[in-house]
Amino acid sequence: DGQAIGADGFVWWRLGEGVWMRSDVVDETGDCAGVRVVQP
């Protein structure tokens, strides 16, 4: 439901409250650039 740039320089996807997945360990499809930016 959101994305953020981590201190490590990676994009992190927020899948739900308190659940984050680093972008380099998943295969994204669709309009990922359109996912809103959130504060971690």
PDB file of N, CA and C in Angstrom:
ATOM      1  N   ASP A   1       0.807  -1.199   0.000  1.00  0.00           N
ATOM      2  CA  ASP A   1       0.000   0.000   0.000  1.00  0.00           C
ATOM      3  C   ASP A   1       0.847   1.259   0.000  1.00  0.00           C
ATOM      4  N   GLY A   2       2.188   1.107  -0.073  1.00  0.00           N
ATOM      5  CA  GLY A   2       3.065   2.267  -0.107  1.00  0.00           C
ATOM      6  C   GLY A   2       4.495   1.856  -0.406  1.00  0.00           C
ATOM      7  N   GLN A   3       5.336   2.859  -0.638  1.00  0.00           N
ATOM      8  CA  GLN A   3       6.751   2.607  -0.885  1.00  0.00           C
ATOM      9  C   GLN A   3       7.571   3.695  -0.220  1.00  0.00           C
ATOM     10  N   ALA A   4       8.823   3.366   0.081  1.00  0.00           N
ATOM     11  CA  ALA A   4       9.745   4.329   0.681  1.00  0.00           C
ATOM     12  C   ALA A   4      11.164   3.942   0.288  1.00  0.00           C
ATOM     13  N   ILE A   5      12.046   4.935   0.264  1.00  0.00           N
ATOM     14  CA  ILE A   5      13.471   4.686   0.057  1.00  0.00           C
ATOM     15  C   ILE A   5      14.100   4.524   1.435  1.00  0.00           C
ATOM     16  N   GLY A   6      14.739   3.380   1.661  1.00  0.00           N
ATOM     17  CA  GLY A   6      15.364   3.115   2.948  1.00  0.00           C
ATOM     18  C   GLY A   6      16.725   3.778   3.071  1.00  0.00           C
ATOM     19  N   ALA A   7      17.246   3.799   4.283  1.00  0.00           N
ATOM     20  CA  ALA A   7      18.586   4.335   4.538  1.00  0.00           C
ATOM     21  C   ALA A   7      19.640   3.551   3.764  1.00  0.00           C
ATOM     22  N   ASP A   8      19.304   2.315   3.382  1.00  0.00           N
ATOM     23  CA  ASP A   8      20.213   1.464   2.612  1.00  0.00           C
ATOM     24  C   ASP A   8      20.178   1.780   1.113  1.00  0.00           C
ATOM     25  N   GLY A   9      19.309   2.719   0.702  1.00  0.00           N
ATOM     26  CA  GLY A   9      19.198   3.103  -0.697  1.00  0.00           C
ATOM     27  C   GLY A   9      18.228   2.264  -1.507  1.00  0.00           C
ATOM     28  N   PHE A  10      17.676   1.214  -0.927  1.00  0.00           N
ATOM     29  CA  PHE A  10      16.720   0.359  -1.621  1.00  0.00           C
ATOM     30  C   PHE A  10      15.311   0.926  -1.504  1.00  0.00           C
ATOM     31  N   VAL A  11      14.490   0.616  -2.516  1.00  0.00           N
ATOM     32  CA  VAL A  11      13.057   0.880  -2.411  1.00  0.00           C
ATOM     33  C   VAL A  11      12.462  -0.232  -1.562  1.00  0.00           C
ATOM     34  N   TRP A  12      11.638   0.145  -0.601  1.00  0.00           N
ATOM     35  CA  TRP A  12      10.928  -0.805   0.244  1.00  0.00           C
ATOM     36  C   TRP A  12       9.439  -0.656  -0.021  1.00  0.00           C
ATOM     37  N   TRP A  13       8.755  -1.780  -0.217  1.00  0.00           N
ATOM     38  CA  TRP A  13       7.313  -1.794  -0.429  1.00  0.00           C
ATOM     39  C   TRP A  13       6.627  -2.089   0.893  1.00  0.00           C
ATOM     40  N   ARG A  14       5.664  -1.252   1.268  1.00  0.00           N
ATOM     41  CA  ARG A  14       4.870  -1.541   2.469  1.00  0.00           C
ATOM     42  C   ARG A  14       3.647  -2.322   2.025  1.00  0.00           C
ATOM     43  N   LEU A  15       3.553  -3.549   2.493  1.00  0.00           N
ATOM     44  CA  LEU A  15       2.456  -4.435   2.116  1.00  0.00           C
ATOM     45  C   LEU A  15       1.261  -4.259   3.027  1.00  0.00           C
ATOM     46  N   GLY A  16       1.491  -3.734   4.195  1.00  0.00           N
ATOM     47  CA  GLY A  16       0.461  -3.489   5.196  1.00  0.00           C
ATOM     48  C   GLY A  16       1.129  -2.849   6.392  1.00  0.00           C
ATOM     49  N   GLU A  17       0.368  -2.496   7.381  1.00  0.00           N
ATOM     50  CA  GLU A  17       0.913  -1.829   8.561  1.00  0.00           C
ATOM     51  C   GLU A  17       2.012  -2.676   9.203  1.00  0.00           C
ATOM     52  N   GLY A  18       3.246  -2.169   9.175  1.00  0.00           N
ATOM     53  CA  GLY A  18       4.373  -2.853   9.807  1.00  0.00           C
ATOM     54  C   GLY A  18       4.987  -3.984   8.995  1.00  0.00           C
ATOM     55  N   VAL A  19       4.519  -4.190   7.757  1.00  0.00           N
ATOM     56  CA  VAL A  19       5.032  -5.278   6.917  1.00  0.00           C
ATOM     57  C   VAL A  19       5.713  -4.664   5.695  1.00  0.00           C
ATOM     58  N   TRP A  20       7.042  -4.838   5.604  1.00  0.00           N
ATOM     59  CA  TRP A  20       7.836  -4.245   4.529  1.00  0.00           C
ATOM     60  C   TRP A  20       8.590  -5.328   3.769  1.00  0.00           C
ATOM     61  N   MET A  21       8.754  -5.126   2.450  1.00  0.00           N
ATOM     62  CA  MET A  21       9.496  -6.048   1.596  1.00  0.00           C
ATOM     63  C   MET A  21      10.452  -5.222   0.745  1.00  0.00           C
ATOM     64  N   ARG A  22      11.720  -5.606   0.745  1.00  0.00           N
ATOM     65  CA  ARG A  22      12.706  -4.877  -0.052  1.00  0.00           C
ATOM     66  C   ARG A  22      12.511  -5.200  -1.533  1.00  0.00           C
ATOM     67  N   SER A  23      12.595  -4.188  -2.372  1.00  0.00           N
ATOM     68  CA  SER A  23      12.228  -4.329  -3.787  1.00  0.00           C
ATOM     69  C   SER A  23      13.112  -5.286  -4.577  1.00  0.00           C
ATOM     70  N   ASP A  24      14.338  -5.509  -4.145  1.00  0.00           N
ATOM     71  CA  ASP A  24      15.229  -6.373  -4.932  1.00  0.00           C
ATOM     72  C   ASP A  24      14.994  -7.858  -4.689  1.00  0.00           C
ATOM     73  N   VAL A  25      14.096  -8.215  -3.797  1.00  0.00           N
ATOM     74  CA  VAL A  25      13.836  -9.632  -3.527  1.00  0.00           C
ATOM     75  C   VAL A  25      12.465 -10.080  -4.044  1.00  0.00           C
ATOM     76  N   VAL A  26      11.796  -9.210  -4.806  1.00  0.00           N
ATOM     77  CA  VAL A  26      10.490  -9.547  -5.379  1.00  0.00           C
ATOM     78  C   VAL A  26      10.467  -9.164  -6.853  1.00  0.00           C
ATOM     79  N   ASP A  27       9.548  -9.742  -7.591  1.00  0.00           N
ATOM     80  CA  ASP A  27       9.293  -9.361  -8.983  1.00  0.00           C
ATOM     81  C   ASP A  27       8.020  -8.523  -9.000  1.00  0.00           C
ATOM     82  N   GLU A  28       8.166  -7.237  -9.362  1.00  0.00           N
ATOM     83  CA  GLU A  28       7.019  -6.345  -9.395  1.00  0.00           C
ATOM     84  C   GLU A  28       6.364  -6.381 -10.765  1.00  0.00           C
ATOM     85  N   THR A  29       5.058  -6.199 -10.794  1.00  0.00           N
ATOM     86  CA  THR A  29       4.315  -6.041 -12.046  1.00  0.00           C
ATOM     87  C   THR A  29       3.316  -4.909 -11.854  1.00  0.00           C
ATOM     88  N   GLY A  30       2.892  -4.339 -12.953  1.00  0.00           N
ATOM     89  CA  GLY A  30       1.893  -3.275 -12.883  1.00  0.00           C
ATOM     90  C   GLY A  30       2.529  -1.910 -12.709  1.00  0.00           C
ATOM     91  N   ASP A  31       1.732  -0.964 -12.250  1.00  0.00           N
ATOM     92  CA  ASP A  31       2.139   0.436 -12.121  1.00  0.00           C
ATOM     93  C   ASP A  31       2.770   0.695 -10.756  1.00  0.00           C
ATOM     94  N   CYS A  32       3.938   0.116 -10.509  1.00  0.00           N
ATOM     95  CA  CYS A  32       4.606   0.265  -9.210  1.00  0.00           C
ATOM     96  C   CYS A  32       5.028   1.709  -8.948  1.00  0.00           C
ATOM     97  N   ALA A  33       5.370   2.440 -10.001  1.00  0.00           N
ATOM     98  CA  ALA A  33       5.767   3.839  -9.828  1.00  0.00           C
ATOM     99  C   ALA A  33       4.603   4.682  -9.316  1.00  0.00           C
ATOM    100  N   GLY A  34       3.384   4.220  -9.538  1.00  0.00           N
ATOM    101  CA  GLY A  34       2.201   4.944  -9.087  1.00  0.00           C
ATOM    102  C   GLY A  34       1.830   4.691  -7.638  1.00  0.00           C
ATOM    103  N   VAL A  35       2.540   3.775  -6.977  1.00  0.00           N
ATOM    104  CA  VAL A  35       2.258   3.491  -5.562  1.00  0.00           C
ATOM    105  C   VAL A  35       2.728   4.682  -4.738  1.00  0.00           C
ATOM    106  N   ARG A  36       1.892   5.137  -3.834  1.00  0.00           N
ATOM    107  CA  ARG A  36       2.210   6.352  -3.075  1.00  0.00           C
ATOM    108  C   ARG A  36       3.437   6.168  -2.198  1.00  0.00           C
ATOM    109  N   VAL A  37       4.165   7.259  -2.010  1.00  0.00           N
ATOM    110  CA  VAL A  37       5.338   7.279  -1.140  1.00  0.00           C
ATOM    111  C   VAL A  37       4.858   7.517   0.284  1.00  0.00           C
ATOM    112  N   VAL A  38       5.364   6.705   1.216  1.00  0.00           N
ATOM    113  CA  VAL A  38       4.978   6.816   2.626  1.00  0.00           C
ATOM    114  C   VAL A  38       6.225   6.959   3.490  1.00  0.00           C
ATOM    115  N   GLN A  39       6.039   7.376   4.713  1.00  0.00           N
ATOM    116  CA  GLN A  39       7.133   7.466   5.672  1.00  0.00           C
ATOM    117  C   GLN A  39       7.260   6.134   6.404  1.00  0.00           C
ATOM    118  N   PRO A  40       8.471   5.581   6.467  1.00  0.00           N
ATOM    119  CA  PRO A  40       8.644   4.302   7.181  1.00  0.00           C
ATOM    120  C   PRO A  40       8.469   4.460   8.684  1.00  0.00           C
TER     121      PRO A  40
END
